[in-house]
Amino acid sequence: MADQHKGWAVGKPIVTYWAGPAMTDTAAQQIADGKFNLVWCGEKELDVVQRHGLRAQLTDGLLTPETLDDPKKTAELDALIERVRKHPALYDYFITDEPDTSRFAGLGKLVAHLREKDPAHLAYINLLPTYANNEQLGTKGDVVPAYVEYLKQFIDVVKPGLISWDHYQFAIDHDMPDYFLNLALVRRACLDAKLPFLNIVQAATWTKSMREPSEEEMRYLIWTSAAYGAQGISYYVYSVAGHTPLIATLDGTPTKVYYWVQKLNPDFEAVAAQLQKLKSTGVYHAGMLPPGADALPETSDFRIDPELPTAEFVKRKPVTGVLLGCFGKTEHSQPTHCVVVNLNYLAPATVTIVSQHHHYNLEVFDSATRKWTAATEAKGKVTLSLPPGGGKLIRTKR
């Protein structure tokens, strides 16, 4: 497959948000201190973004397919691109949120136009989740075939540089069932299309039917995203009316969530950076098997000792067990790296991982220092202490 996003690469793994403040120096500094690296802004704020060492997702009313139907508007868009494309802070152009398939042809024309005029920067579009209905998606059938077709049409018609979607599963009194299904379907589509992906996760409540996530649940979201191979994480929301608890209040005061993600963001960025040049070879669940999950096979290069018995998945109950996200040089090569995640966000876990290749040493990555440390146990074995919802990256070393 031709590299349809030649000229643009993820670079530093993406840590961003949805619905944030106007990009003043005060807001930009707070966001940088929170260990985010991509902010939303208009053309006039690009210099502010640059001053604070951040990357910019540009918003502008011209960034819509309808612009290309009007020669005057097209000329204005081209002038905008020419003004901003060499700005050091520019990272991507924001196009739209949650389109259905009927909009893909127009979006594809706009993405192609932007790629022709500025191949070094991404045209960013966010997609719907699996729980969108057929009318919203613009496809037919049950959940899986309808969503697979939605992703296929988006990739074939729009030819994006990255897949992004939002999936919010923390309902007021239960966890919705298809979070891992959504991750699995996007992972598969992105492996086939050679695309990176970004997961937008729940960081607030906006209605009585959805709950405020805890710090442990936020940790679970970033580590499970990393285990499935995400190169970007985004939080819904930073600060906007009608949502709580927010990352910062409308007057700019940091909340408890700000301090949670300030600690979590470097973990995600560091782990995703280690995995960036690798490919996901498999993602396996040991314990409870939610929709879309693959059980840990007996032939897996990384095993859990002792093995976890398979538990029945119960709707409306949190998923528990251990998640193993394996990575290697290619999708079909022997995995060398593994993200191990404690899926129980209510309690810590101690997990012993054994490599099938006992003659290899195992090393553990410290996301704070960004250094690898050799396991102190026998070759091919390491015991990990994982906080609720937390994880560790390990690798084999000859």
Protein backbone atom coordinates (compact mmCIF):
# COMPACT_ATOMS: atom_id res chain seq x y z
CA MET A 1 0.00 0.00 0.00
CA ALA A 2 1.31 3.45 -0.89
CA ASP A 3 2.17 5.71 1.99
CA GLN A 4 -0.81 8.05 1.76
CA HIS A 5 0.46 10.29 4.57
CA LYS A 6 4.02 10.78 3.30
CA GLY A 7 5.53 13.94 4.72
CA TRP A 8 3.67 13.82 8.04
CA ALA A 9 4.61 11.63 10.98
CA VAL A 10 3.32 11.52 14.55
CA GLY A 11 6.66 12.55 16.04
CA LYS A 12 6.24 12.93 19.79
CA PRO A 13 3.18 10.83 20.76
CA ILE A 14 0.11 13.04 21.00
CA VAL A 15 -1.25 14.15 24.38
CA THR A 16 -4.15 16.54 23.96
CA TYR A 17 -7.73 17.35 25.00
CA TRP A 18 -11.15 18.31 23.69
CA ALA A 19 -12.85 21.65 24.43
CA GLY A 20 -10.16 23.75 26.03
CA PRO A 21 -9.57 27.40 26.89
CA ALA A 22 -8.67 30.28 24.57
CA MET A 23 -4.96 30.09 23.90
CA THR A 24 -3.54 32.86 26.08
CA ASP A 25 -0.06 32.73 27.59
CA THR A 26 -1.59 31.78 30.95
CA ALA A 27 -3.63 28.93 29.48
CA ALA A 28 -0.75 27.68 27.34
CA GLN A 29 1.59 27.59 30.33
CA GLN A 30 -0.94 25.67 32.41
CA ILE A 31 -1.42 23.15 29.62
CA ALA A 32 2.32 22.74 29.15
CA ASP A 33 2.75 22.28 32.91
CA GLY A 34 0.06 19.59 32.73
CA LYS A 35 2.33 17.67 30.34
CA PHE A 36 0.11 18.05 27.29
CA ASN A 37 1.87 18.65 23.98
CA LEU A 38 -0.89 19.57 21.50
CA VAL A 39 -3.34 22.47 21.90
CA TRP A 40 -6.18 23.95 19.87
CA CYS A 41 -5.79 27.47 18.52
CA GLY A 42 -6.43 29.88 15.67
CA GLU A 43 -3.83 31.44 13.40
CA LYS A 44 -3.33 34.46 15.67
CA GLU A 45 -2.36 32.23 18.61
CA LEU A 46 0.38 30.23 16.87
CA ASP A 47 3.10 32.42 18.35
CA VAL A 48 1.66 31.89 21.85
CA VAL A 49 1.78 28.13 21.32
CA GLN A 50 5.37 28.30 20.12
CA ARG A 51 6.47 30.35 23.14
CA HIS A 52 5.38 27.55 25.45
CA GLY A 53 6.94 24.70 23.53
CA LEU A 54 3.61 23.25 22.42
CA ARG A 55 2.22 22.05 19.09
CA ALA A 56 -0.85 23.59 17.48
CA GLN A 57 -4.00 22.06 16.10
CA LEU A 58 -5.27 24.86 13.88
CA THR A 59 -8.95 25.71 13.74
CA ASP A 60 -10.42 27.96 11.06
CA GLY A 61 -13.80 28.33 9.40
CA LEU A 62 -12.20 27.76 6.00
CA LEU A 63 -11.25 24.18 6.94
CA THR A 64 -14.44 22.64 5.58
CA PRO A 65 -15.24 20.79 2.31
CA GLU A 66 -17.66 23.54 1.28
CA THR A 67 -14.73 25.92 0.90
CA LEU A 68 -13.60 24.03 -2.20
CA ASP A 69 -16.96 24.70 -3.89
CA ASP A 70 -16.22 28.44 -3.97
CA PRO A 71 -13.14 29.66 -5.89
CA LYS A 72 -12.88 32.77 -3.72
CA LYS A 73 -13.00 30.74 -0.51
CA THR A 74 -10.52 28.24 -1.95
CA ALA A 75 -8.10 31.07 -2.64
CA GLU A 76 -8.55 32.27 0.95
CA LEU A 77 -7.84 28.75 2.23
CA ASP A 78 -4.72 28.49 0.11
CA ALA A 79 -3.54 31.84 1.43
CA LEU A 80 -4.12 30.61 4.99
CA ILE A 81 -2.12 27.45 4.33
CA GLU A 82 0.72 29.46 2.81
CA ARG A 83 0.84 31.72 5.87
CA VAL A 84 0.87 28.96 8.48
CA ARG A 85 2.50 25.92 6.91
CA LYS A 86 6.04 26.91 7.87
CA HIS A 87 5.17 28.07 11.38
CA PRO A 88 7.22 26.03 13.88
CA ALA A 89 4.22 25.41 16.13
CA LEU A 90 1.83 24.05 13.49
CA TYR A 91 1.09 20.33 13.86
CA ASP A 92 -2.27 19.72 12.19
CA TYR A 93 -5.44 21.20 10.74
CA PHE A 94 -8.69 20.38 12.55
CA ILE A 95 -11.40 19.51 10.02
CA THR A 96 -14.49 18.06 11.72
CA ASP A 97 -15.96 15.80 14.39
CA GLU A 98 -17.95 12.59 13.96
CA PRO A 99 -18.92 12.63 10.27
CA ASP A 100 -21.13 9.96 8.72
CA THR A 101 -20.24 8.22 5.46
CA SER A 102 -22.25 10.69 3.35
CA ARG A 103 -19.63 13.33 4.16
CA PHE A 104 -16.59 11.23 3.30
CA ALA A 105 -16.35 12.21 -0.39
CA GLY A 106 -16.20 15.92 0.42
CA LEU A 107 -13.80 15.35 3.29
CA GLY A 108 -11.58 13.27 1.03
CA LYS A 109 -11.33 16.16 -1.44
CA LEU A 110 -10.39 18.57 1.35
CA VAL A 111 -7.81 16.18 2.83
CA ALA A 112 -6.27 15.69 -0.63
CA HIS A 113 -6.18 19.46 -1.17
CA LEU A 114 -4.46 20.05 2.17
CA ARG A 115 -2.00 17.23 1.51
CA GLU A 116 -1.13 18.75 -1.87
CA LYS A 117 -0.62 22.23 -0.43
CA ASP A 118 1.01 21.14 2.84
CA PRO A 119 2.04 17.48 3.01
CA ALA A 120 4.00 18.02 6.24
CA HIS A 121 0.90 18.55 8.41
CA LEU A 122 -2.01 16.28 9.28
CA ALA A 123 -5.65 16.93 8.39
CA TYR A 124 -7.40 15.78 11.58
CA ILE A 125 -10.89 14.26 11.65
CA ASN A 126 -12.46 12.53 14.64
CA LEU A 127 -14.80 9.57 14.08
CA LEU A 128 -17.84 8.13 15.80
CA PRO A 129 -17.63 5.22 18.31
CA THR A 130 -19.09 1.72 18.00
CA TYR A 131 -22.22 2.70 19.90
CA ALA A 132 -23.28 5.11 17.15
CA ASN A 133 -26.32 3.74 15.34
CA ASN A 134 -26.63 2.89 11.64
CA GLU A 135 -28.16 6.26 10.79
CA GLN A 136 -25.34 8.11 12.55
CA LEU A 137 -22.66 6.01 10.87
CA GLY A 138 -24.26 5.83 7.45
CA THR A 139 -23.77 2.06 7.26
CA LYS A 140 -25.98 -0.98 7.74
CA GLY A 141 -25.95 -4.12 9.86
CA ASP A 142 -25.09 -5.12 13.40
CA VAL A 143 -22.47 -3.30 15.47
CA VAL A 144 -19.31 -5.00 14.19
CA PRO A 145 -20.01 -5.14 10.42
CA ALA A 146 -21.50 -1.63 10.47
CA TYR A 147 -18.47 -0.18 12.23
CA VAL A 148 -15.94 -2.13 10.16
CA GLU A 149 -17.59 -0.77 7.02
CA TYR A 150 -17.55 2.76 8.48
CA LEU A 151 -13.80 2.54 9.10
CA LYS A 152 -13.19 0.96 5.68
CA GLN A 153 -15.04 3.70 3.83
CA PHE A 154 -13.26 6.40 5.82
CA ILE A 155 -9.85 4.95 5.03
CA ASP A 156 -10.64 4.22 1.36
CA VAL A 157 -12.43 7.48 0.55
CA VAL A 158 -10.89 10.10 2.85
CA LYS A 159 -7.37 8.60 2.90
CA PRO A 160 -6.55 10.00 6.36
CA GLY A 161 -3.16 10.20 8.01
CA LEU A 162 -4.50 9.07 11.40
CA ILE A 163 -7.61 7.45 12.88
CA SER A 164 -9.22 9.15 15.88
CA TRP A 165 -12.45 8.32 17.69
CA ASP A 166 -14.07 8.88 21.06
CA HIS A 167 -15.58 6.15 23.23
CA TYR A 168 -16.99 6.87 26.68
CA GLN A 169 -17.89 3.83 28.79
CA PHE A 170 -18.23 5.01 32.40
CA ALA A 171 -21.99 5.13 32.91
CA ILE A 172 -23.42 6.23 36.24
CA ASP A 173 -23.83 2.73 37.69
CA HIS A 174 -21.92 0.44 35.30
CA ASP A 175 -19.28 0.16 32.59
CA MET A 176 -20.56 0.01 29.03
CA PRO A 177 -19.36 -3.18 27.29
CA ASP A 178 -17.71 -2.23 24.00
CA TYR A 179 -14.67 -0.12 24.92
CA PHE A 180 -12.25 -2.93 24.03
CA LEU A 181 -14.26 -3.86 20.95
CA ASN A 182 -13.78 -0.31 19.64
CA LEU A 183 -10.05 -0.46 20.37
CA ALA A 184 -9.77 -3.84 18.66
CA LEU A 185 -11.62 -2.79 15.50
CA VAL A 186 -9.60 0.41 15.11
CA ARG A 187 -6.34 -1.42 15.83
CA ARG A 188 -7.09 -3.97 13.10
CA ALA A 189 -8.07 -1.31 10.55
CA CYS A 190 -4.97 0.75 11.31
CA LEU A 191 -2.60 -2.20 11.05
CA ASP A 192 -4.06 -3.05 7.64
CA ALA A 193 -3.86 0.57 6.44
CA LYS A 194 -0.50 1.35 8.09
CA LEU A 195 -1.99 4.23 10.07
CA PRO A 196 -1.45 5.46 13.64
CA PHE A 197 -4.44 6.05 15.91
CA LEU A 198 -5.53 8.35 18.72
CA ASN A 199 -8.08 7.45 21.42
CA ILE A 200 -10.30 10.15 22.97
CA VAL A 201 -11.24 9.02 26.48
CA GLN A 202 -13.72 10.10 29.11
CA ALA A 203 -12.45 12.60 31.69
CA ALA A 204 -15.73 14.17 32.80
CA THR A 205 -19.46 13.76 33.07
CA TRP A 206 -21.95 15.84 31.10
CA THR A 207 -25.23 14.10 31.83
CA LYS A 208 -26.91 12.22 34.67
CA SER A 209 -26.35 8.89 32.91
CA MET A 210 -22.52 9.16 32.94
CA ARG A 211 -20.23 9.23 35.99
CA GLU A 212 -17.09 11.18 36.83
CA PRO A 213 -14.07 8.91 36.23
CA SER A 214 -11.69 8.36 39.14
CA GLU A 215 -7.91 8.69 39.01
CA GLU A 216 -7.64 4.90 38.80
CA GLU A 217 -10.08 4.81 35.89
CA MET A 218 -8.10 7.51 34.09
CA ARG A 219 -4.94 5.44 34.57
CA TYR A 220 -6.78 2.42 33.13
CA LEU A 221 -7.72 4.42 30.04
CA ILE A 222 -4.21 5.57 29.17
CA TRP A 223 -2.59 2.18 29.80
CA THR A 224 -5.18 0.17 27.86
CA SER A 225 -4.86 2.63 24.96
CA ALA A 226 -1.07 2.16 24.98
CA ALA A 227 -1.43 -1.64 25.12
CA TYR A 228 -3.56 -1.63 21.97
CA GLY A 229 -0.99 0.55 20.18
CA ALA A 230 -2.32 4.11 20.42
CA GLN A 231 0.06 6.89 19.45
CA GLY A 232 -2.23 9.56 20.84
CA ILE A 233 -4.48 10.19 23.82
CA SER A 234 -7.05 12.95 24.19
CA TYR A 235 -9.26 13.80 27.17
CA TYR A 236 -12.90 14.81 27.01
CA VAL A 237 -12.96 17.56 28.30
CA TYR A 238 -10.52 20.27 29.44
CA SER A 239 -12.89 23.12 30.27
CA VAL A 240 -16.37 23.76 28.93
CA ALA A 241 -19.73 24.68 30.43
CA GLY A 242 -22.05 21.85 31.40
CA HIS A 243 -19.33 19.33 32.23
CA THR A 244 -17.73 18.29 35.50
CA PRO A 245 -15.22 17.85 37.09
CA LEU A 246 -13.21 19.18 34.09
CA ILE A 247 -9.43 19.41 33.90
CA ALA A 248 -9.63 23.11 34.71
CA THR A 249 -12.63 25.22 35.71
CA LEU A 250 -13.97 27.90 33.41
CA ASP A 251 -11.96 30.53 35.30
CA GLY A 252 -8.78 28.53 34.69
CA THR A 253 -8.34 26.90 38.09
CA PRO A 254 -6.82 23.40 37.86
CA THR A 255 -9.00 20.61 39.29
CA LYS A 256 -8.09 17.25 40.78
CA VAL A 257 -8.30 15.79 37.26
CA TYR A 258 -5.56 18.18 36.11
CA TYR A 259 -3.19 16.77 38.71
CA TRP A 260 -4.15 13.20 37.81
CA VAL A 261 -3.39 13.63 34.12
CA GLN A 262 -0.28 15.68 34.88
CA LYS A 263 1.13 12.45 36.33
CA LEU A 264 -0.35 10.14 33.69
CA ASN A 265 0.53 12.08 30.54
CA PRO A 266 4.31 11.48 30.76
CA ASP A 267 3.67 7.76 31.25
CA PHE A 268 1.65 7.55 28.05
CA GLU A 269 4.04 9.69 26.02
CA ALA A 270 7.11 7.76 27.18
CA VAL A 271 5.63 4.30 26.58
CA ALA A 272 4.09 5.22 23.21
CA ALA A 273 7.45 6.65 22.12
CA GLN A 274 9.17 3.34 22.93
CA LEU A 275 6.61 1.51 20.80
CA GLN A 276 6.43 3.97 17.92
CA LYS A 277 8.76 2.11 15.55
CA LEU A 278 7.23 -1.27 16.42
CA LYS A 279 4.02 -2.95 15.28
CA SER A 280 1.29 -4.46 17.43
CA THR A 281 1.58 -8.25 17.08
CA GLY A 282 -1.33 -9.13 19.35
CA VAL A 283 -3.45 -7.90 22.25
CA TYR A 284 -4.61 -10.55 24.71
CA HIS A 285 -6.89 -10.63 27.73
CA ALA A 286 -6.32 -13.03 30.60
CA GLY A 287 -9.26 -13.36 32.95
CA MET A 288 -12.51 -11.76 31.82
CA LEU A 289 -13.08 -11.61 28.05
CA PRO A 290 -15.13 -8.56 27.02
CA PRO A 291 -16.54 -8.16 23.49
CA GLY A 292 -13.74 -7.84 20.94
CA ALA A 293 -11.13 -9.42 23.23
CA ASP A 294 -8.76 -12.22 22.27
CA ALA A 295 -7.85 -14.74 24.96
CA LEU A 296 -4.18 -15.23 25.77
CA PRO A 297 -3.12 -18.23 23.63
CA GLU A 298 -0.92 -21.03 24.96
CA THR A 299 1.66 -20.17 22.31
CA SER A 300 1.99 -16.53 23.38
CA ASP A 301 5.59 -15.34 23.67
CA PHE A 302 4.66 -13.66 26.97
CA ARG A 303 2.77 -15.72 29.56
CA ILE A 304 1.29 -15.10 32.99
CA ASP A 305 2.48 -17.36 35.80
CA PRO A 306 0.34 -18.74 37.28
CA GLU A 307 -2.22 -18.64 34.49
CA LEU A 308 -5.41 -16.72 35.12
CA PRO A 309 -8.58 -18.75 34.66
CA THR A 310 -11.02 -17.37 32.11
CA ALA A 311 -13.86 -15.54 33.82
CA GLU A 312 -17.31 -15.01 32.43
CA PHE A 313 -17.92 -11.53 31.06
CA VAL A 314 -20.88 -9.98 32.83
CA LYS A 315 -22.59 -6.96 31.30
CA ARG A 316 -22.65 -3.88 33.52
CA LYS A 317 -19.64 -5.15 35.49
CA PRO A 318 -16.08 -3.77 35.22
CA VAL A 319 -13.67 -5.84 33.15
CA THR A 320 -11.01 -7.48 35.31
CA GLY A 321 -7.91 -9.53 34.63
CA VAL A 322 -4.64 -8.71 32.89
CA LEU A 323 -4.10 -7.23 29.44
CA LEU A 324 -0.98 -8.06 27.40
CA GLY A 325 -0.24 -5.81 24.43
CA CYS A 326 2.61 -7.35 22.40
CA PHE A 327 4.84 -5.53 19.90
CA GLY A 328 7.58 -6.50 17.46
CA LYS A 329 9.39 -5.26 14.36
CA THR A 330 6.48 -6.32 12.16
CA GLU A 331 2.94 -7.47 12.88
CA HIS A 332 3.92 -11.09 12.25
CA SER A 333 7.37 -11.13 13.84
CA GLN A 334 8.32 -12.45 17.25
CA PRO A 335 7.24 -9.83 19.82
CA THR A 336 10.01 -8.16 21.78
CA HIS A 337 7.95 -5.73 23.89
CA CYS A 338 4.84 -6.18 26.03
CA VAL A 339 2.58 -3.69 27.80
CA VAL A 340 1.16 -5.44 30.87
CA VAL A 341 -1.97 -3.83 32.34
CA ASN A 342 -3.92 -4.53 35.51
CA LEU A 343 -7.51 -4.21 34.29
CA ASN A 344 -8.87 -4.06 37.82
CA TYR A 345 -9.07 -0.32 38.46
CA LEU A 346 -10.33 -0.97 41.99
CA ALA A 347 -7.33 -2.85 43.40
CA PRO A 348 -3.57 -3.31 42.81
CA ALA A 349 -2.19 -6.53 41.38
CA THR A 350 1.07 -8.44 41.36
CA VAL A 351 1.67 -10.19 38.05
CA THR A 352 4.52 -12.50 37.07
CA ILE A 353 5.34 -12.54 33.36
CA VAL A 354 7.37 -15.35 31.79
CA SER A 355 8.88 -15.26 28.31
CA GLN A 356 8.62 -18.42 26.24
CA HIS A 357 12.21 -17.69 25.25
CA HIS A 358 13.81 -18.43 28.62
CA HIS A 359 17.33 -17.64 27.38
CA TYR A 360 16.37 -13.96 27.01
CA ASN A 361 16.64 -11.45 29.82
CA LEU A 362 13.60 -9.33 30.59
CA GLU A 363 13.86 -5.59 31.20
CA VAL A 364 11.31 -3.16 32.68
CA PHE A 365 10.83 0.38 31.40
CA ASP A 366 10.61 3.24 33.91
CA SER A 367 8.35 5.84 32.29
CA ALA A 368 9.53 8.50 34.75
CA THR A 369 13.25 8.19 34.01
CA ARG A 370 12.73 6.69 30.54
CA LYS A 371 15.33 4.05 31.32
CA TRP A 372 15.29 0.25 31.11
CA THR A 373 16.28 -1.90 34.09
CA ALA A 374 17.08 -5.61 34.01
CA ALA A 375 14.74 -7.88 35.97
CA THR A 376 16.41 -9.31 39.07
CA GLU A 377 14.80 -12.75 38.72
CA ALA A 378 15.78 -15.70 36.57
CA LYS A 379 16.12 -15.19 32.84
CA GLY A 380 12.81 -14.85 31.08
CA LYS A 381 10.86 -13.91 34.19
CA VAL A 382 9.75 -10.70 35.91
CA THR A 383 7.25 -9.88 38.66
CA LEU A 384 5.41 -6.58 38.34
CA SER A 385 3.55 -4.64 41.02
CA LEU A 386 0.77 -2.80 39.23
CA PRO A 387 -1.46 -0.10 40.74
CA PRO A 388 -5.22 -0.15 40.07
CA GLY A 389 -5.66 0.25 36.33
CA GLY A 390 -1.91 0.66 35.87
CA GLY A 391 0.66 -0.97 33.67
CA LYS A 392 4.30 -1.54 32.84
CA LEU A 393 6.24 -1.92 29.61
CA ILE A 394 8.70 -4.82 29.47
CA ARG A 395 10.98 -6.18 26.73
CA THR A 396 13.18 -9.13 25.98
CA LYS A 397 16.90 -8.47 25.74
CA ARG A 398 19.37 -10.95 24.28
